[in-house]
Amino acid sequence: MKKIEAIIKPFKLDEVKDSLQEAGVQGITVVEAKGFGRQKGHTELYRGAEYVVDFLPKVKLEVVVADDQLEAAIEAIKTAAETGRIGDGKIFVSEISQAIRIRTGETGDEAL
């Protein structure tokens, strides 16, 4: 099993969710986040005063998939989240050693 963590722009969330559902991904966790990468934030003007916004709003998605679903899930996120501009986000993949469904006690891929 693999865990996919994706940091994306908030307005792309619905597209990514729909794309993952089409790829057969069952569950998804969404967390509102703030952060920056290479873009290093931006400057805004408010009531005549200029200030720097260091942390930009982002959305962090967490998805755990069976090994055979990994490439389809990654491709679904990449195509749906891409705008072609800086700040589109990142995808991280890590190994999951165990998953347990609390209600039934199912383990491994069956727990997903």
C-alpha atoms as a PDB file:
ATOM      1  CA  MET A   1       0.000   0.000   0.000  1.00  0.00           C
ATOM      2  CA  LYS A   2       1.086   3.563  -0.660  1.00  0.00           C
ATOM      3  CA  LYS A   3       0.129   6.903   0.850  1.00  0.00           C
ATOM      4  CA  ILE A   4      -0.115   9.818  -1.549  1.00  0.00           C
ATOM      5  CA  GLU A   5       0.099  13.316  -0.100  1.00  0.00           C
ATOM      6  CA  ALA A   6      -0.620  16.117  -2.546  1.00  0.00           C
ATOM      7  CA  ILE A   7      -0.372  19.850  -1.919  1.00  0.00           C
ATOM      8  CA  ILE A   8      -2.555  21.680  -4.435  1.00  0.00           C
ATOM      9  CA  LYS A   9      -4.239  25.023  -5.060  1.00  0.00           C
ATOM     10  CA  PRO A  10      -7.597  25.228  -3.240  1.00  0.00           C
ATOM     11  CA  PHE A  11      -9.689  25.991  -6.329  1.00  0.00           C
ATOM     12  CA  LYS A  12      -8.510  22.721  -7.916  1.00  0.00           C
ATOM     13  CA  LEU A  13      -9.911  20.533  -5.120  1.00  0.00           C
ATOM     14  CA  ASP A  14     -13.200  19.592  -6.805  1.00  0.00           C
ATOM     15  CA  GLU A  15     -11.477  18.694 -10.076  1.00  0.00           C
ATOM     16  CA  VAL A  16      -8.918  16.522  -8.274  1.00  0.00           C
ATOM     17  CA  LYS A  17     -11.623  14.828  -6.181  1.00  0.00           C
ATOM     18  CA  ASP A  18     -13.680  14.011  -9.278  1.00  0.00           C
ATOM     19  CA  SER A  19     -10.599  12.768 -11.120  1.00  0.00           C
ATOM     20  CA  LEU A  20      -9.647  10.470  -8.221  1.00  0.00           C
ATOM     21  CA  GLN A  21     -13.175   9.067  -8.065  1.00  0.00           C
ATOM     22  CA  GLU A  22     -13.039   8.306 -11.799  1.00  0.00           C
ATOM     23  CA  ALA A  23      -9.724   6.506 -11.203  1.00  0.00           C
ATOM     24  CA  GLY A  24     -11.431   4.279  -8.622  1.00  0.00           C
ATOM     25  CA  VAL A  25      -9.928   5.792  -5.461  1.00  0.00           C
ATOM     26  CA  GLN A  26     -12.327   5.224  -2.548  1.00  0.00           C
ATOM     27  CA  GLY A  27     -11.294   7.523   0.308  1.00  0.00           C
ATOM     28  CA  ILE A  28      -9.646  10.899   0.586  1.00  0.00           C
ATOM     29  CA  THR A  29      -8.690  13.164   3.471  1.00  0.00           C
ATOM     30  CA  VAL A  30      -8.528  16.930   2.894  1.00  0.00           C
ATOM     31  CA  VAL A  31      -6.746  19.411   5.154  1.00  0.00           C
ATOM     32  CA  GLU A  32      -6.613  23.168   4.675  1.00  0.00           C
ATOM     33  CA  ALA A  33      -3.000  24.284   4.795  1.00  0.00           C
ATOM     34  CA  LYS A  34      -0.795  27.321   4.308  1.00  0.00           C
ATOM     35  CA  GLY A  35       2.672  27.280   2.858  1.00  0.00           C
ATOM     36  CA  PHE A  36       5.037  28.359   0.137  1.00  0.00           C
ATOM     37  CA  GLY A  37       7.599  26.873  -2.161  1.00  0.00           C
ATOM     38  CA  ARG A  38       9.659  28.592  -4.813  1.00  0.00           C
ATOM     39  CA  GLN A  39       7.128  31.394  -5.203  1.00  0.00           C
ATOM     40  CA  LYS A  40       7.986  32.657  -1.667  1.00  0.00           C
ATOM     41  CA  GLY A  41       4.602  34.311  -1.154  1.00  0.00           C
ATOM     42  CA  HIS A  42       3.619  37.649  -2.654  1.00  0.00           C
ATOM     43  CA  THR A  43       3.072  41.322  -1.826  1.00  0.00           C
ATOM     44  CA  GLU A  44      -0.418  42.773  -1.377  1.00  0.00           C
ATOM     45  CA  LEU A  45      -1.758  46.272  -0.903  1.00  0.00           C
ATOM     46  CA  TYR A  46      -4.332  46.838   1.852  1.00  0.00           C
ATOM     47  CA  ARG A  47      -5.669  50.338   2.668  1.00  0.00           C
ATOM     48  CA  GLY A  48      -2.623  51.919   1.123  1.00  0.00           C
ATOM     49  CA  ALA A  49      -0.143  49.821   3.096  1.00  0.00           C
ATOM     50  CA  GLU A  50       1.967  47.192   1.383  1.00  0.00           C
ATOM     51  CA  TYR A  51       2.576  43.919   3.174  1.00  0.00           C
ATOM     52  CA  VAL A  52       4.036  40.518   2.348  1.00  0.00           C
ATOM     53  CA  VAL A  53       1.904  37.384   2.427  1.00  0.00           C
ATOM     54  CA  ASP A  54       4.449  34.655   3.197  1.00  0.00           C
ATOM     55  CA  PHE A  55       2.106  31.702   3.479  1.00  0.00           C
ATOM     56  CA  LEU A  56      -0.323  31.072   0.655  1.00  0.00           C
ATOM     57  CA  PRO A  57      -3.532  29.048   1.064  1.00  0.00           C
ATOM     58  CA  LYS A  58      -3.159  25.452  -0.081  1.00  0.00           C
ATOM     59  CA  VAL A  59      -5.033  22.182   0.298  1.00  0.00           C
ATOM     60  CA  LYS A  60      -3.348  18.962   1.388  1.00  0.00           C
ATOM     61  CA  LEU A  61      -4.894  15.711   0.162  1.00  0.00           C
ATOM     62  CA  GLU A  62      -4.063  12.352   1.706  1.00  0.00           C
ATOM     63  CA  VAL A  63      -4.994   9.147  -0.096  1.00  0.00           C
ATOM     64  CA  VAL A  64      -3.992   5.568   0.699  1.00  0.00           C
ATOM     65  CA  VAL A  65      -4.173   3.187  -2.260  1.00  0.00           C
ATOM     66  CA  ALA A  66      -3.259  -0.373  -3.129  1.00  0.00           C
ATOM     67  CA  ASP A  67       0.022  -0.692  -5.036  1.00  0.00           C
ATOM     68  CA  ASP A  68      -1.784  -1.438  -8.312  1.00  0.00           C
ATOM     69  CA  GLN A  69      -3.786   1.835  -8.071  1.00  0.00           C
ATOM     70  CA  LEU A  70      -0.764   4.065  -7.442  1.00  0.00           C
ATOM     71  CA  GLU A  71       0.051   5.206 -10.974  1.00  0.00           C
ATOM     72  CA  ALA A  72      -3.602   5.870 -11.857  1.00  0.00           C
ATOM     73  CA  ALA A  73      -4.083   7.941  -8.700  1.00  0.00           C
ATOM     74  CA  ILE A  74      -0.916   9.977  -9.286  1.00  0.00           C
ATOM     75  CA  GLU A  75      -1.874  10.650 -12.895  1.00  0.00           C
ATOM     76  CA  ALA A  76      -5.398  11.686 -11.826  1.00  0.00           C
ATOM     77  CA  ILE A  77      -3.995  14.216  -9.352  1.00  0.00           C
ATOM     78  CA  LYS A  78      -1.348  15.543 -11.773  1.00  0.00           C
ATOM     79  CA  THR A  79      -3.721  16.161 -14.654  1.00  0.00           C
ATOM     80  CA  ALA A  80      -6.523  17.661 -12.544  1.00  0.00           C
ATOM     81  CA  ALA A  81      -4.324  19.930 -10.393  1.00  0.00           C
ATOM     82  CA  GLU A  82      -2.105  21.359 -13.134  1.00  0.00           C
ATOM     83  CA  THR A  83      -2.558  24.986 -14.176  1.00  0.00           C
ATOM     84  CA  GLY A  84       0.866  25.396 -15.754  1.00  0.00           C
ATOM     85  CA  ARG A  85       1.810  28.204 -13.393  1.00  0.00           C
ATOM     86  CA  ILE A  86       4.131  28.338 -10.409  1.00  0.00           C
ATOM     87  CA  GLY A  87       2.594  27.039  -7.187  1.00  0.00           C
ATOM     88  CA  ASP A  88       0.662  24.114  -8.692  1.00  0.00           C
ATOM     89  CA  GLY A  89       1.911  21.953  -5.847  1.00  0.00           C
ATOM     90  CA  LYS A  90       3.712  18.720  -5.100  1.00  0.00           C
ATOM     91  CA  ILE A  91       2.898  15.019  -4.784  1.00  0.00           C
ATOM     92  CA  PHE A  92       4.667  12.827  -2.219  1.00  0.00           C
ATOM     93  CA  VAL A  93       4.425   9.030  -2.094  1.00  0.00           C
ATOM     94  CA  SER A  94       5.336   6.918   0.924  1.00  0.00           C
ATOM     95  CA  GLU A  95       5.014   3.281   1.955  1.00  0.00           C
ATOM     96  CA  ILE A  96       2.217   2.173   4.304  1.00  0.00           C
ATOM     97  CA  SER A  97       3.026  -0.965   6.266  1.00  0.00           C
ATOM     98  CA  GLN A  98      -0.436  -1.603   7.727  1.00  0.00           C
ATOM     99  CA  ALA A  99      -4.036  -0.414   7.466  1.00  0.00           C
ATOM    100  CA  ILE A 100      -6.881  -1.501   9.740  1.00  0.00           C
ATOM    101  CA  ARG A 101     -10.574  -0.712   9.367  1.00  0.00           C
ATOM    102  CA  ILE A 102     -11.728   0.020  12.910  1.00  0.00           C
ATOM    103  CA  ARG A 103     -15.379  -1.017  12.418  1.00  0.00           C
ATOM    104  CA  THR A 104     -14.739  -4.499  10.973  1.00  0.00           C
ATOM    105  CA  GLY A 105     -11.139  -5.249  11.876  1.00  0.00           C
ATOM    106  CA  GLU A 106     -10.215  -5.796   8.201  1.00  0.00           C
ATOM    107  CA  THR A 107      -6.519  -5.308   7.476  1.00  0.00           C
ATOM    108  CA  GLY A 108      -4.324  -4.554   4.480  1.00  0.00           C
ATOM    109  CA  ASP A 109      -5.904  -3.773   1.104  1.00  0.00           C
ATOM    110  CA  GLU A 110      -9.312  -4.954   2.361  1.00  0.00           C
ATOM    111  CA  ALA A 111      -9.285  -2.090   4.895  1.00  0.00           C
ATOM    112  CA  LEU A 112      -9.091   0.490   2.131  1.00  0.00           C
END
